[in-house]
C-alpha atoms as a PDB file:
ATOM      1  CA  UNK A   1     -37.714 -19.740 -62.818  1.00  0.00           C
ATOM      2  CA  UNK A   2     -34.036 -19.667 -61.492  1.00  0.00           C
ATOM      3  CA  UNK A   3     -32.620 -16.559 -60.264  1.00  0.00           C
ATOM      4  CA  UNK A   4     -29.130 -15.624 -59.180  1.00  0.00           C
ATOM      5  CA  UNK A   5     -28.457 -12.605 -57.077  1.00  0.00           C
ATOM      6  CA  UNK A   6     -25.159 -10.842 -57.489  1.00  0.00           C
ATOM      7  CA  UNK A   7     -23.942  -7.673 -55.701  1.00  0.00           C
ATOM      8  CA  UNK A   8     -22.796  -5.169 -58.081  1.00  0.00           C
ATOM      9  CA  UNK A   9     -20.429  -2.217 -57.441  1.00  0.00           C
ATOM     10  CA  UNK A  10     -19.848  -3.252 -53.742  1.00  0.00           C
ATOM     11  CA  UNK A  11     -18.371  -6.694 -53.480  1.00  0.00           C
ATOM     12  CA  UNK A  12     -18.021  -6.184 -49.847  1.00  0.00           C
ATOM     13  CA  UNK A  13     -21.686  -6.915 -49.501  1.00  0.00           C
ATOM     14  CA  UNK A  14     -22.210 -10.521 -49.294  1.00  0.00           C
ATOM     15  CA  UNK A  15     -22.746 -13.734 -47.002  1.00  0.00           C
ATOM     16  CA  UNK A  16     -19.853 -15.645 -45.625  1.00  0.00           C
ATOM     17  CA  UNK A  17     -21.516 -18.895 -46.016  1.00  0.00           C
ATOM     18  CA  UNK A  18     -22.063 -19.383 -42.193  1.00  0.00           C
ATOM     19  CA  UNK A  19     -25.042 -19.765 -39.980  1.00  0.00           C
ATOM     20  CA  UNK A  20     -23.829 -18.602 -36.769  1.00  0.00           C
ATOM     21  CA  UNK A  21     -20.459 -19.723 -36.516  1.00  0.00           C
ATOM     22  CA  UNK A  22     -20.983 -22.975 -38.598  1.00  0.00           C
ATOM     23  CA  UNK A  23     -20.356 -23.449 -42.174  1.00  0.00           C
ATOM     24  CA  UNK A  24     -23.639 -24.202 -44.060  1.00  0.00           C
ATOM     25  CA  UNK A  25     -23.488 -27.514 -45.779  1.00  0.00           C
ATOM     26  CA  UNK A  26     -23.881 -27.240 -49.562  1.00  0.00           C
ATOM     27  CA  UNK A  27     -27.267 -28.576 -50.830  1.00  0.00           C
ATOM     28  CA  UNK A  28     -30.830 -27.386 -51.730  1.00  0.00           C
ATOM     29  CA  UNK A  29     -32.842 -25.837 -48.832  1.00  0.00           C
ATOM     30  CA  UNK A  30     -36.623 -25.463 -49.182  1.00  0.00           C
ATOM     31  CA  UNK A  31     -38.662 -22.658 -47.561  1.00  0.00           C
ATOM     32  CA  UNK A  32     -42.446 -22.216 -46.935  1.00  0.00           C
ATOM     33  CA  UNK A  33     -43.477 -18.909 -45.571  1.00  0.00           C
ATOM     34  CA  UNK A  34     -47.116 -18.557 -44.432  1.00  0.00           C
ATOM     35  CA  UNK A  35     -48.413 -14.845 -44.299  1.00  0.00           C
ATOM     36  CA  UNK A  36     -51.803 -13.733 -42.831  1.00  0.00           C
ATOM     37  CA  UNK A  37     -52.989 -10.265 -43.633  1.00  0.00           C
ATOM     38  CA  UNK A  38     -56.110  -8.170 -42.908  1.00  0.00           C
ATOM     39  CA  UNK A  39     -55.658  -5.577 -45.448  1.00  0.00           C
ATOM     40  CA  UNK A  40     -58.882  -4.038 -46.834  1.00  0.00           C
ATOM     41  CA  UNK A  41     -60.893  -6.715 -45.126  1.00  0.00           C
ATOM     42  CA  UNK A  42     -61.752  -7.929 -41.745  1.00  0.00           C
ATOM     43  CA  UNK A  43     -61.375 -11.391 -43.077  1.00  0.00           C
ATOM     44  CA  UNK A  44     -58.007 -12.764 -42.743  1.00  0.00           C
ATOM     45  CA  UNK A  45     -56.271 -13.653 -46.072  1.00  0.00           C
ATOM     46  CA  UNK A  46     -53.652 -16.348 -45.735  1.00  0.00           C
ATOM     47  CA  UNK A  47     -50.846 -16.908 -48.529  1.00  0.00           C
ATOM     48  CA  UNK A  48     -48.041 -19.277 -48.866  1.00  0.00           C
ATOM     49  CA  UNK A  49     -44.775 -18.380 -50.431  1.00  0.00           C
ATOM     50  CA  UNK A  50     -42.553 -21.269 -51.259  1.00  0.00           C
ATOM     51  CA  UNK A  51     -39.210 -21.866 -53.044  1.00  0.00           C
ATOM     52  CA  UNK A  52     -35.753 -23.212 -52.574  1.00  0.00           C
ATOM     53  CA  UNK A  53     -32.099 -21.889 -52.247  1.00  0.00           C
ATOM     54  CA  UNK A  54     -29.157 -24.017 -53.512  1.00  0.00           C
ATOM     55  CA  UNK A  55     -25.821 -23.418 -51.600  1.00  0.00           C
ATOM     56  CA  UNK A  56     -22.719 -24.212 -53.713  1.00  0.00           C
ATOM     57  CA  UNK A  57     -19.173 -24.158 -52.471  1.00  0.00           C
END
């Protein structure tokens, strides 16, 4: 389920390829996000969001 995000209409919006002042090294970066919510319940509901981002130069 690959997705590519492209700014349309305003090419000045973007990312300069840096983290802080350092260039990000090309590669695949994996992420795991843990969320805990109490919506409509007094019992915490934990969910995990996972995926990856590929940096190409």
